[in-house]
C-alpha atoms as a PDB file:
ATOM      1  CA  MET A   1      -0.140  -0.007   0.328  1.00  0.00           C
ATOM      2  CA  THR A   2       1.688   3.238  -0.925  1.00  0.00           C
ATOM      3  CA  THR A   3       1.650   6.018   1.812  1.00  0.00           C
ATOM      4  CA  SER A   4       2.897   9.399   2.715  1.00  0.00           C
ATOM      5  CA  ARG A   5       6.675   8.703   4.583  1.00  0.00           C
ATOM      6  CA  PRO A   6       5.947   6.395   6.903  1.00  0.00           C
ATOM      7  CA  SER A   7       8.318   6.561  10.563  1.00  0.00           C
ATOM      8  CA  ARG A   8      11.755   4.570   8.845  1.00  0.00           C
ATOM      9  CA  PRO A   9      14.271   8.237   8.189  1.00  0.00           C
ATOM     10  CA  SER A  10      15.312   9.417   4.658  1.00  0.00           C
ATOM     11  CA  HIS A  11      18.994   8.318   3.985  1.00  0.00           C
ATOM     12  CA  ARG A  12      19.173  11.151   1.743  1.00  0.00           C
ATOM     13  CA  SER A  13      21.253  13.875   2.946  1.00  0.00           C
ATOM     14  CA  HIS A  14      20.438  16.355   0.749  1.00  0.00           C
ATOM     15  CA  ARG A  15      21.945  19.589  -1.421  1.00  0.00           C
ATOM     16  CA  SER A  16      38.125  43.011 -13.919  1.00  0.00           C
ATOM     17  CA  THR A  17      38.235  43.719 -16.631  1.00  0.00           C
ATOM     18  CA  VAL A  18      40.878  45.663 -15.152  1.00  0.00           C
ATOM     19  CA  ARG A  19      42.218  48.787 -17.374  1.00  0.00           C
ATOM     20  CA  ALA A  20      45.768  49.627 -17.306  1.00  0.00           C
ATOM     21  CA  ALA A  21      46.601  53.249 -18.060  1.00  0.00           C
ATOM     22  CA  ARG A  22      49.162  53.111 -21.753  1.00  0.00           C
ATOM     23  CA  PRO A  23      53.054  54.162 -20.079  1.00  0.00           C
ATOM     24  CA  ALA A  24      54.565  56.289 -21.985  1.00  0.00           C
ATOM     25  CA  ARG A  25      57.203  53.282 -23.743  1.00  0.00           C
ATOM     26  CA  LEU A  26      54.572  52.691 -25.420  1.00  0.00           C
ATOM     27  CA  LEU A  27      55.467  55.479 -28.428  1.00  0.00           C
ATOM     28  CA  THR A  28      59.410  53.806 -27.350  1.00  0.00           C
ATOM     29  CA  GLY A  29      58.191  50.869 -29.085  1.00  0.00           C
ATOM     30  CA  ALA A  30      55.790  52.552 -31.824  1.00  0.00           C
ATOM     31  CA  LEU A  31      58.503  54.498 -33.030  1.00  0.00           C
ATOM     32  CA  ALA A  32      61.651  51.578 -32.058  1.00  0.00           C
ATOM     33  CA  ALA A  33      59.108  49.695 -35.276  1.00  0.00           C
ATOM     34  CA  GLY A  34      59.105  52.163 -37.370  1.00  0.00           C
ATOM     35  CA  ALA A  35      62.763  51.934 -37.321  1.00  0.00           C
ATOM     36  CA  LEU A  36      62.867  48.854 -37.947  1.00  0.00           C
ATOM     37  CA  LEU A  37      60.584  49.264 -41.172  1.00  0.00           C
ATOM     38  CA  VAL A  38      62.805  51.554 -42.540  1.00  0.00           C
ATOM     39  CA  THR A  39      66.049  49.282 -41.733  1.00  0.00           C
ATOM     40  CA  ALA A  40      64.296  46.367 -43.807  1.00  0.00           C
ATOM     41  CA  ALA A  41      63.017  48.255 -47.080  1.00  0.00           C
ATOM     42  CA  CYS A  42      66.609  49.540 -47.100  1.00  0.00           C
ATOM     43  CA  SER A  43      68.010  46.278 -47.262  1.00  0.00           C
ATOM     44  CA  GLY A  44      67.773  45.601 -50.665  1.00  0.00           C
ATOM     45  CA  GLY A  45      68.777  42.061 -50.711  1.00  0.00           C
ATOM     46  CA  GLY A  46      66.541  40.098 -47.508  1.00  0.00           C
ATOM     47  CA  ASP A  47      63.016  38.701 -48.371  1.00  0.00           C
ATOM     48  CA  ASP A  48      60.264  41.981 -47.923  1.00  0.00           C
ATOM     49  CA  THR A  49      58.392  38.779 -46.007  1.00  0.00           C
ATOM     50  CA  THR A  50      60.874  37.707 -43.649  1.00  0.00           C
ATOM     51  CA  ALA A  51      61.174  41.207 -42.670  1.00  0.00           C
ATOM     52  CA  GLU A  52      57.641  42.112 -42.349  1.00  0.00           C
ATOM     53  CA  SER A  53      56.926  39.281 -40.051  1.00  0.00           C
ATOM     54  CA  ASP A  54      60.667  39.737 -37.671  1.00  0.00           C
ATOM     55  CA  THR A  55      58.899  43.855 -37.638  1.00  0.00           C
ATOM     56  CA  ALA A  56      55.327  42.942 -36.463  1.00  0.00           C
ATOM     57  CA  ALA A  57      56.796  40.033 -33.928  1.00  0.00           C
ATOM     58  CA  SER A  58      59.510  43.508 -32.829  1.00  0.00           C
ATOM     59  CA  ALA A  59      56.009  45.182 -32.328  1.00  0.00           C
ATOM     60  CA  VAL A  60      54.377  42.676 -30.233  1.00  0.00           C
ATOM     61  CA  ALA A  61      57.118  42.497 -28.450  1.00  0.00           C
ATOM     62  CA  GLU A  62      57.129  45.824 -27.711  1.00  0.00           C
ATOM     63  CA  ARG A  63      53.492  45.891 -26.101  1.00  0.00           C
ATOM     64  CA  PRO A  64      52.899  46.364 -22.401  1.00  0.00           C
ATOM     65  CA  VAL A  65      51.692  43.190 -20.389  1.00  0.00           C
ATOM     66  CA  ALA A  66      48.788  44.969 -20.256  1.00  0.00           C
ATOM     67  CA  GLU A  67      48.400  45.352 -23.930  1.00  0.00           C
ATOM     68  CA  GLN A  68      49.243  41.548 -24.461  1.00  0.00           C
ATOM     69  CA  PRO A  69      45.929  39.798 -25.917  1.00  0.00           C
ATOM     70  CA  ILE A  70      43.840  38.152 -23.137  1.00  0.00           C
ATOM     71  CA  ALA A  71      42.766  34.816 -23.792  1.00  0.00           C
ATOM     72  CA  ARG A  72      39.024  34.417 -23.134  1.00  0.00           C
ATOM     73  CA  GLN A  73      37.312  31.459 -20.677  1.00  0.00           C
ATOM     74  CA  THR A  74      33.938  30.602 -22.042  1.00  0.00           C
ATOM     75  CA  SER A  75      31.035  29.761 -18.427  1.00  0.00           C
ATOM     76  CA  PRO A  76      28.487  27.532 -19.109  1.00  0.00           C
ATOM     77  CA  THR A  77      25.189  29.260 -19.881  1.00  0.00           C
ATOM     78  CA  ALA A  78      21.751  27.608 -19.186  1.00  0.00           C
ATOM     79  CA  THR A  79      21.006  26.483 -22.796  1.00  0.00           C
ATOM     80  CA  GLY A  80      24.535  24.325 -21.999  1.00  0.00           C
ATOM     81  CA  THR A  81      27.009  26.532 -23.226  1.00  0.00           C
ATOM     82  CA  PRO A  82      30.484  23.668 -23.033  1.00  0.00           C
ATOM     83  CA  SER A  83      32.926  24.215 -19.499  1.00  0.00           C
ATOM     84  CA  GLY A  84      35.903  22.941 -19.408  1.00  0.00           C
ATOM     85  CA  LYS A  85      35.777  20.258 -22.424  1.00  0.00           C
ATOM     86  CA  GLN A  86      37.077  19.647 -26.014  1.00  0.00           C
ATOM     87  CA  SER A  87      35.384  20.832 -28.563  1.00  0.00           C
ATOM     88  CA  GLY A  88      34.632  18.455 -31.149  1.00  0.00           C
ATOM     89  CA  SER A  89      33.969  15.440 -27.890  1.00  0.00           C
ATOM     90  CA  PRO A  90      31.385  13.057 -28.995  1.00  0.00           C
ATOM     91  CA  SER A  91      30.041  13.077 -25.300  1.00  0.00           C
ATOM     92  CA  PRO A  92      27.678  15.700 -24.252  1.00  0.00           C
ATOM     93  CA  ALA A  93      30.137  19.378 -22.989  1.00  0.00           C
ATOM     94  CA  ALA A  94      27.559  21.385 -21.457  1.00  0.00           C
ATOM     95  CA  SER A  95      26.818  21.016 -17.419  1.00  0.00           C
ATOM     96  CA  LEU A  96      23.099  20.353 -16.655  1.00  0.00           C
ATOM     97  CA  THR A  97      21.974  23.131 -15.010  1.00  0.00           C
ATOM     98  CA  GLU A  98      18.800  23.338 -12.863  1.00  0.00           C
ATOM     99  CA  SER A  99      16.556  24.912 -15.821  1.00  0.00           C
ATOM    100  CA  GLY A 100      18.388  22.193 -17.945  1.00  0.00           C
ATOM    101  CA  ALA A 101      17.949  19.130 -15.997  1.00  0.00           C
ATOM    102  CA  GLU A 102      13.472  20.679 -15.632  1.00  0.00           C
ATOM    103  CA  THR A 103      13.245  21.154 -19.542  1.00  0.00           C
ATOM    104  CA  ALA A 104      15.231  17.303 -19.915  1.00  0.00           C
ATOM    105  CA  LEU A 105      11.611  15.635 -17.967  1.00  0.00           C
ATOM    106  CA  ILE A 106       9.268  14.042 -20.207  1.00  0.00           C
ATOM    107  CA  THR A 107       5.596  15.168 -20.462  1.00  0.00           C
ATOM    108  CA  GLU A 108       2.406  12.919 -20.960  1.00  0.00           C
ATOM    109  CA  ALA A 109       2.408  12.741 -24.255  1.00  0.00           C
ATOM    110  CA  ASP A 110       5.624  11.041 -24.250  1.00  0.00           C
ATOM    111  CA  LEU A 111       4.273   7.861 -22.783  1.00  0.00           C
ATOM    112  CA  GLU A 112       1.879   5.945 -24.158  1.00  0.00           C
ATOM    113  CA  GLY A 113      -1.388   5.050 -22.006  1.00  0.00           C
ATOM    114  CA  ASP A 114      -3.347   7.228 -19.840  1.00  0.00           C
ATOM    115  CA  TRP A 115      -0.621   8.341 -17.151  1.00  0.00           C
ATOM    116  CA  ASN A 116      -1.594  11.977 -15.829  1.00  0.00           C
ATOM    117  CA  GLN A 117       0.721  14.235 -14.195  1.00  0.00           C
ATOM    118  CA  VAL A 118       0.949  14.441 -10.123  1.00  0.00           C
ATOM    119  CA  ASP A 119       2.299  17.405  -8.256  1.00  0.00           C
ATOM    120  CA  ASP A 120       3.444  15.220  -4.971  1.00  0.00           C
ATOM    121  CA  ALA A 121       5.726  12.720  -6.239  1.00  0.00           C
ATOM    122  CA  GLN A 122       8.818  13.806  -3.983  1.00  0.00           C
ATOM    123  CA  ASP A 123       6.310  12.688  -0.872  1.00  0.00           C
ATOM    124  CA  TRP A 124       6.157   8.717  -2.924  1.00  0.00           C
ATOM    125  CA  ARG A 125       6.620   5.887  -0.384  1.00  0.00           C
ATOM    126  CA  ASP A 126       5.614   2.640   0.094  1.00  0.00           C
ATOM    127  CA  SER A 127       5.334   1.485   3.061  1.00  0.00           C
ATOM    128  CA  LEU A 128       6.093  -2.254   2.008  1.00  0.00           C
ATOM    129  CA  LEU A 129      10.054  -0.823   1.223  1.00  0.00           C
ATOM    130  CA  ILE A 130      10.890  -0.269   4.825  1.00  0.00           C
ATOM    131  CA  GLY A 131      13.082  -3.416   6.647  1.00  0.00           C
ATOM    132  CA  GLN A 132      15.641  -5.685   6.694  1.00  0.00           C
ATOM    133  CA  VAL A 133      16.709  -7.828   4.879  1.00  0.00           C
ATOM    134  CA  ASP A 134      17.425 -11.790   6.200  1.00  0.00           C
ATOM    135  CA  VAL A 135      21.319 -11.911   6.025  1.00  0.00           C
ATOM    136  CA  ASN A 136      20.677 -15.822   6.475  1.00  0.00           C
ATOM    137  CA  ASP A 137      19.280 -15.930   1.923  1.00  0.00           C
ATOM    138  CA  PHE A 138      22.865 -15.522   0.896  1.00  0.00           C
ATOM    139  CA  ILE A 139      25.245 -17.870   1.001  1.00  0.00           C
ATOM    140  CA  SER A 140      28.550 -15.043   1.375  1.00  0.00           C
ATOM    141  CA  GLY A 141      26.534 -13.187   4.295  1.00  0.00           C
ATOM    142  CA  LYS A 142      26.039 -10.306   5.031  1.00  0.00           C
ATOM    143  CA  ALA A 143      28.445  -8.677   2.031  1.00  0.00           C
ATOM    144  CA  ASP A 144      25.466  -9.790   0.030  1.00  0.00           C
ATOM    145  CA  ALA A 145      22.683  -9.381   1.970  1.00  0.00           C
ATOM    146  CA  SER A 146      24.366  -5.008   1.810  1.00  0.00           C
ATOM    147  CA  GLN A 147      23.180  -4.742  -1.621  1.00  0.00           C
ATOM    148  CA  CYS A 148      20.170  -6.112  -1.742  1.00  0.00           C
ATOM    149  CA  GLN A 149      19.514  -4.167   1.144  1.00  0.00           C
ATOM    150  CA  ARG A 150      20.941  -0.771  -0.642  1.00  0.00           C
ATOM    151  CA  LEU A 151      17.930  -1.592  -2.934  1.00  0.00           C
ATOM    152  CA  ILE A 152      15.291  -1.616  -1.131  1.00  0.00           C
ATOM    153  CA  ASP A 153      16.492   1.521   1.159  1.00  0.00           C
ATOM    154  CA  THR A 154      17.698   3.840  -1.985  1.00  0.00           C
ATOM    155  CA  LEU A 155      13.801   2.725  -4.005  1.00  0.00           C
ATOM    156  CA  TYR A 156      11.940   4.278  -0.803  1.00  0.00           C
ATOM    157  CA  ASP A 157      14.047   6.869  -0.404  1.00  0.00           C
ATOM    158  CA  GLU A 158      13.506   7.735  -4.353  1.00  0.00           C
ATOM    159  CA  ASP A 159      17.748   8.052  -4.380  1.00  0.00           C
ATOM    160  CA  LEU A 160      18.728   4.938  -6.426  1.00  0.00           C
ATOM    161  CA  LEU A 161      22.124   6.224  -7.125  1.00  0.00           C
ATOM    162  CA  GLY A 162      22.764   8.105  -4.159  1.00  0.00           C
ATOM    163  CA  ASP A 163      22.571  11.999  -3.294  1.00  0.00           C
ATOM    164  CA  PRO A 164      23.130  13.956  -6.586  1.00  0.00           C
ATOM    165  CA  SER A 165      26.080  16.469  -7.147  1.00  0.00           C
ATOM    166  CA  GLY A 166      24.043  18.851  -9.186  1.00  0.00           C
ATOM    167  CA  ALA A 167      21.119  19.921 -10.446  1.00  0.00           C
ATOM    168  CA  SER A 168      17.683  17.555 -10.076  1.00  0.00           C
ATOM    169  CA  ALA A 169      14.648  18.235 -11.134  1.00  0.00           C
ATOM    170  CA  LEU A 170      11.985  14.788 -10.980  1.00  0.00           C
ATOM    171  CA  ARG A 171       8.006  14.456 -12.013  1.00  0.00           C
ATOM    172  CA  GLY A 172       5.721  12.337 -11.370  1.00  0.00           C
ATOM    173  CA  PHE A 173       2.554  10.045 -13.506  1.00  0.00           C
ATOM    174  CA  GLN A 174       0.157   7.769 -12.015  1.00  0.00           C
ATOM    175  CA  GLN A 175      -2.214   5.950 -14.306  1.00  0.00           C
ATOM    176  CA  GLY A 176      -4.316   3.709 -12.231  1.00  0.00           C
ATOM    177  CA  GLN A 177      -3.196   2.300  -8.912  1.00  0.00           C
ATOM    178  CA  SER A 178       1.179   1.928 -10.804  1.00  0.00           C
ATOM    179  CA  ARG A 179       2.543   5.087 -10.305  1.00  0.00           C
ATOM    180  CA  LEU A 180       5.981   6.734 -12.851  1.00  0.00           C
ATOM    181  CA  LEU A 181       8.439   8.468 -10.996  1.00  0.00           C
ATOM    182  CA  TYR A 182      11.197  10.306 -13.622  1.00  0.00           C
ATOM    183  CA  GLN A 183      14.012  12.387 -11.939  1.00  0.00           C
ATOM    184  CA  VAL A 184      17.128  13.732 -13.982  1.00  0.00           C
ATOM    185  CA  ALA A 185      20.234  14.370 -12.374  1.00  0.00           C
ATOM    186  CA  ALA A 186      23.828  15.626 -12.554  1.00  0.00           C
ATOM    187  CA  TYR A 187      26.470  13.179 -10.577  1.00  0.00           C
ATOM    188  CA  ASP A 188      29.987  12.119 -10.089  1.00  0.00           C
ATOM    189  CA  GLN A 189      31.043  10.591 -13.133  1.00  0.00           C
ATOM    190  CA  ALA A 190      33.305   7.714 -11.095  1.00  0.00           C
ATOM    191  CA  ASP A 191      29.750   7.612  -8.437  1.00  0.00           C
ATOM    192  CA  LEU A 192      27.875   6.814 -11.740  1.00  0.00           C
ATOM    193  CA  GLU A 193      29.625   4.430 -12.887  1.00  0.00           C
ATOM    194  CA  LYS A 194      29.943   2.542  -9.508  1.00  0.00           C
ATOM    195  CA  SER A 195      26.248   2.245  -9.694  1.00  0.00           C
ATOM    196  CA  MET A 196      26.260   0.990 -12.621  1.00  0.00           C
ATOM    197  CA  ASP A 197      27.918  -1.784 -12.093  1.00  0.00           C
ATOM    198  CA  TRP A 198      25.805  -2.094  -8.609  1.00  0.00           C
ATOM    199  CA  LEU A 199      22.298  -2.392 -10.626  1.00  0.00           C
ATOM    200  CA  ALA A 200      23.988  -4.539 -12.967  1.00  0.00           C
ATOM    201  CA  SER A 201      24.686  -7.249 -10.534  1.00  0.00           C
ATOM    202  CA  LEU A 202      21.433  -6.769  -8.482  1.00  0.00           C
ATOM    203  CA  PRO A 203      19.543 -10.309 -10.765  1.00  0.00           C
ATOM    204  CA  ASP A 204      22.596 -12.043  -9.656  1.00  0.00           C
ATOM    205  CA  ASN A 205      23.246 -11.389  -6.280  1.00  0.00           C
ATOM    206  CA  CYS A 206      19.929 -10.756  -5.314  1.00  0.00           C
ATOM    207  CA  ASP A 207      17.641 -13.112  -7.078  1.00  0.00           C
ATOM    208  CA  GLN A 208      15.601 -13.933  -4.222  1.00  0.00           C
ATOM    209  CA  PHE A 209      15.469 -13.049  -0.860  1.00  0.00           C
ATOM    210  CA  THR A 210      13.134 -12.253   2.153  1.00  0.00           C
ATOM    211  CA  VAL A 211      12.266  -9.090   3.245  1.00  0.00           C
ATOM    212  CA  THR A 212      11.340  -8.532   7.796  1.00  0.00           C
ATOM    213  CA  GLY A 213      10.196  -6.003  10.234  1.00  0.00           C
ATOM    214  CA  GLY A 214       8.139  -2.595   9.039  1.00  0.00           C
ATOM    215  CA  ASN A 215       4.143  -2.986   8.643  1.00  0.00           C
ATOM    216  CA  GLY A 216       4.791  -5.685   5.938  1.00  0.00           C
ATOM    217  CA  GLY A 217       5.393  -8.947   7.987  1.00  0.00           C
ATOM    218  CA  SER A 218       7.479 -11.116   5.670  1.00  0.00           C
ATOM    219  CA  ARG A 219       8.321 -10.676   2.275  1.00  0.00           C
ATOM    220  CA  THR A 220       9.896 -12.386  -0.657  1.00  0.00           C
ATOM    221  CA  VAL A 221      11.570 -10.564  -3.452  1.00  0.00           C
ATOM    222  CA  GLN A 222      12.580 -11.611  -6.518  1.00  0.00           C
ATOM    223  CA  VAL A 223      14.962  -9.189  -9.555  1.00  0.00           C
ATOM    224  CA  VAL A 224      15.783 -10.232 -12.858  1.00  0.00           C
ATOM    225  CA  GLU A 225      17.308  -8.048 -15.632  1.00  0.00           C
ATOM    226  CA  ALA A 226      14.380  -6.098 -17.803  1.00  0.00           C
ATOM    227  CA  SER A 227      14.690  -5.037 -21.051  1.00  0.00           C
ATOM    228  CA  VAL A 228      15.252  -1.759 -22.044  1.00  0.00           C
ATOM    229  CA  PRO A 229      16.394   0.012 -25.514  1.00  0.00           C
ATOM    230  CA  LYS A 230      20.146   0.311 -25.978  1.00  0.00           C
ATOM    231  CA  VAL A 231      20.375   4.685 -25.179  1.00  0.00           C
ATOM    232  CA  GLY A 232      22.900   6.618 -23.975  1.00  0.00           C
ATOM    233  CA  ASP A 233      26.507   5.723 -22.765  1.00  0.00           C
ATOM    234  CA  ASP A 234      25.182   3.437 -20.443  1.00  0.00           C
ATOM    235  CA  VAL A 235      21.808   2.191 -19.681  1.00  0.00           C
ATOM    236  CA  LYS A 236      20.367  -0.867 -17.022  1.00  0.00           C
ATOM    237  CA  ALA A 237      17.026  -2.496 -16.050  1.00  0.00           C
ATOM    238  CA  LEU A 238      15.431  -4.707 -13.616  1.00  0.00           C
ATOM    239  CA  THR A 239      12.594  -5.603 -12.786  1.00  0.00           C
ATOM    240  CA  MET A 240      11.403  -6.389  -8.494  1.00  0.00           C
ATOM    241  CA  THR A 241       8.859  -7.921  -7.503  1.00  0.00           C
ATOM    242  CA  MET A 242       8.115  -7.924  -3.183  1.00  0.00           C
ATOM    243  CA  LYS A 243       5.205 -10.366  -2.303  1.00  0.00           C
ATOM    244  CA  GLY A 244       3.853  -9.694   1.409  1.00  0.00           C
ATOM    245  CA  THR A 245       0.564  -9.084   3.349  1.00  0.00           C
ATOM    246  CA  THR A 246      -1.084  -5.519   4.069  1.00  0.00           C
ATOM    247  CA  ASP A 247      -3.544  -5.814   6.348  1.00  0.00           C
ATOM    248  CA  GLY A 248      -3.765  -9.342   6.632  1.00  0.00           C
ATOM    249  CA  ASP A 249      -4.612  -9.558   2.818  1.00  0.00           C
ATOM    250  CA  PRO A 250      -1.636 -11.303   0.540  1.00  0.00           C
ATOM    251  CA  VAL A 251      -0.410  -7.858  -1.432  1.00  0.00           C
ATOM    252  CA  THR A 252       2.316  -7.762  -4.435  1.00  0.00           C
ATOM    253  CA  LEU A 253       4.185  -4.457  -5.411  1.00  0.00           C
ATOM    254  CA  THR A 254       6.122  -4.565  -8.910  1.00  0.00           C
ATOM    255  CA  LEU A 255       8.084  -2.262  -9.730  1.00  0.00           C
ATOM    256  CA  ASP A 256      10.783  -1.448 -13.084  1.00  0.00           C
ATOM    257  CA  VAL A 257      13.773   0.355 -12.613  1.00  0.00           C
ATOM    258  CA  ALA A 258      15.585   1.963 -15.483  1.00  0.00           C
ATOM    259  CA  VAL A 259      18.740   3.956 -15.623  1.00  0.00           C
ATOM    260  CA  VAL A 260      20.291   5.663 -18.121  1.00  0.00           C
ATOM    261  CA  ARG A 261      23.942   7.741 -17.862  1.00  0.00           C
ATOM    262  CA  ILE A 262      25.040  10.097 -20.313  1.00  0.00           C
ATOM    263  CA  GLY A 263      28.294  11.099 -19.250  1.00  0.00           C
ATOM    264  CA  ALA A 264      28.276  11.977 -15.524  1.00  0.00           C
ATOM    265  CA  ASP A 265      23.875  12.441 -15.904  1.00  0.00           C
ATOM    266  CA  ALA A 266      21.148  10.679 -15.431  1.00  0.00           C
ATOM    267  CA  ILE A 267      17.891   9.490 -16.189  1.00  0.00           C
ATOM    268  CA  THR A 268      16.014   6.930 -13.315  1.00  0.00           C
ATOM    269  CA  VAL A 269      12.882   5.728 -14.126  1.00  0.00           C
ATOM    270  CA  THR A 270      10.726   3.682 -11.671  1.00  0.00           C
ATOM    271  CA  ASN A 271       7.888   2.498 -12.863  1.00  0.00           C
ATOM    272  CA  GLY A 272       4.962  -0.214 -10.993  1.00  0.00           C
ATOM    273  CA  GLY A 273       2.568  -0.909  -7.804  1.00  0.00           C
ATOM    274  CA  LEU A 274       0.370  -3.002  -6.478  1.00  0.00           C
ATOM    275  CA  ALA A 275      -1.398  -3.301  -9.772  1.00  0.00           C
ATOM    276  CA  GLY A 276       1.771  -4.625 -12.013  1.00  0.00           C
ATOM    277  CA  VAL A 277       3.316  -2.880 -14.347  1.00  0.00           C
ATOM    278  CA  ASP A 278       3.536  -1.115 -17.109  1.00  0.00           C
ATOM    279  CA  HIS A 279       6.235  -2.065 -18.872  1.00  0.00           C
ATOM    280  CA  ALA A 280       5.601  -0.171 -22.211  1.00  0.00           C
ATOM    281  CA  ALA A 281       4.938   2.967 -20.268  1.00  0.00           C
ATOM    282  CA  THR A 282       8.815   1.657 -18.723  1.00  0.00           C
ATOM    283  CA  VAL A 283      10.042   1.794 -22.688  1.00  0.00           C
ATOM    284  CA  ALA A 284       8.700   4.795 -23.371  1.00  0.00           C
ATOM    285  CA  ALA A 285      10.427   6.926 -20.893  1.00  0.00           C
ATOM    286  CA  VAL A 286      13.659   5.408 -21.453  1.00  0.00           C
ATOM    287  CA  GLN A 287      12.960   5.762 -24.912  1.00  0.00           C
ATOM    288  CA  GLN A 288      11.574   9.284 -25.297  1.00  0.00           C
ATOM    289  CA  GLY A 289      13.655  10.481 -22.264  1.00  0.00           C
ATOM    290  CA  THR A 290      17.257   9.787 -23.888  1.00  0.00           C
ATOM    291  CA  PRO A 291      17.104  12.243 -27.006  1.00  0.00           C
ATOM    292  CA  ARG A 292      15.142  15.106 -24.693  1.00  0.00           C
ATOM    293  CA  LEU A 293      18.443  14.582 -22.536  1.00  0.00           C
ATOM    294  CA  GLN A 294      20.667  15.180 -24.885  1.00  0.00           C
ATOM    295  CA  ASP A 295      19.659  17.936 -26.545  1.00  0.00           C
ATOM    296  CA  VAL A 296      19.349  19.696 -23.580  1.00  0.00           C
ATOM    297  CA  LEU A 297      23.315  19.138 -22.801  1.00  0.00           C
ATOM    298  CA  ALA A 298      24.277  19.754 -26.227  1.00  0.00           C
ATOM    299  CA  GLY A 299      22.079  23.186 -26.348  1.00  0.00           C
ATOM    300  CA  ARG A 300      19.523  22.540 -28.777  1.00  0.00           C
ATOM    301  CA  SER A 301      15.372  22.883 -27.335  1.00  0.00           C
ATOM    302  CA  PRO A 302      13.584  19.065 -26.815  1.00  0.00           C
ATOM    303  CA  GLN A 303      10.766  18.094 -29.472  1.00  0.00           C
ATOM    304  CA  SER A 304       7.863  18.490 -27.440  1.00  0.00           C
ATOM    305  CA  THR A 305       5.790  15.516 -28.589  1.00  0.00           C
ATOM    306  CA  PRO A 306       7.961  11.915 -29.285  1.00  0.00           C
ATOM    307  CA  SER A 307       8.710  11.255 -32.570  1.00  0.00           C
ATOM    308  CA  GLY A 308       7.971   7.394 -32.134  1.00  0.00           C
ATOM    309  CA  ILE A 309       6.950   4.981 -29.583  1.00  0.00           C
ATOM    310  CA  ASN A 310       8.721   1.636 -30.988  1.00  0.00           C
END
């Protein structure tokens, strides 16, 4: 049963130009440059091109420090001006901004079915996800159990990839008893890549385990790999099924989880509920959301309507 945030505390730790007066020695430098030009013209046997080049170099050398050319640095803008990366790089060159993260979020038009946008997605929590993983289910003990505990804890706290290191935005959609949470955020790239490796390991390390405690009694959890389009720099997807009880009645919580990495930025999709999961909506969110984020990072305006959902 989906509830407001229950008693377990969240793990989320959130988030001259100076003008110099021209000294009198500029006149001296100009006279010296003129003298070099006269000398070069009277030499007769020299190369005119070489003489002019040498003269120009001498004139530049005579400039005071304040008059030497200053290299400009480009600051990032809200539309994604490159910051600190080489031009022509195949990966996105812009840092994700708060407005960019908001622009990269999908809309109702990007999803199949009758999904409606809601305003309280940041408060979504499911009490079935509160509990402790039974270490006795694992051959290697606490090491594997901690990875499965991280899964249910971060799904409850809505910070599957940890705290963002930069801009972030989220949007929620509802269809019947199913909910889809869509997040875009910037992370430390090394940490993000580790999180992607962790997600990839879950179908093996957490294929089946037991959760106890909380309000759901003893629950059996299964984790399997899910299929989504191969987009972005990396993509991982899984489906988690949790069977337990609520008020004595048997219930099954099914969630699709998909993460797309683009450089140091990521899209996270969590979709499902007690009525099952609409896997087509997960695929649509990944397929339509990835080019939106790529457009934002490239300084382009994303298309407002889907170009086609397979």
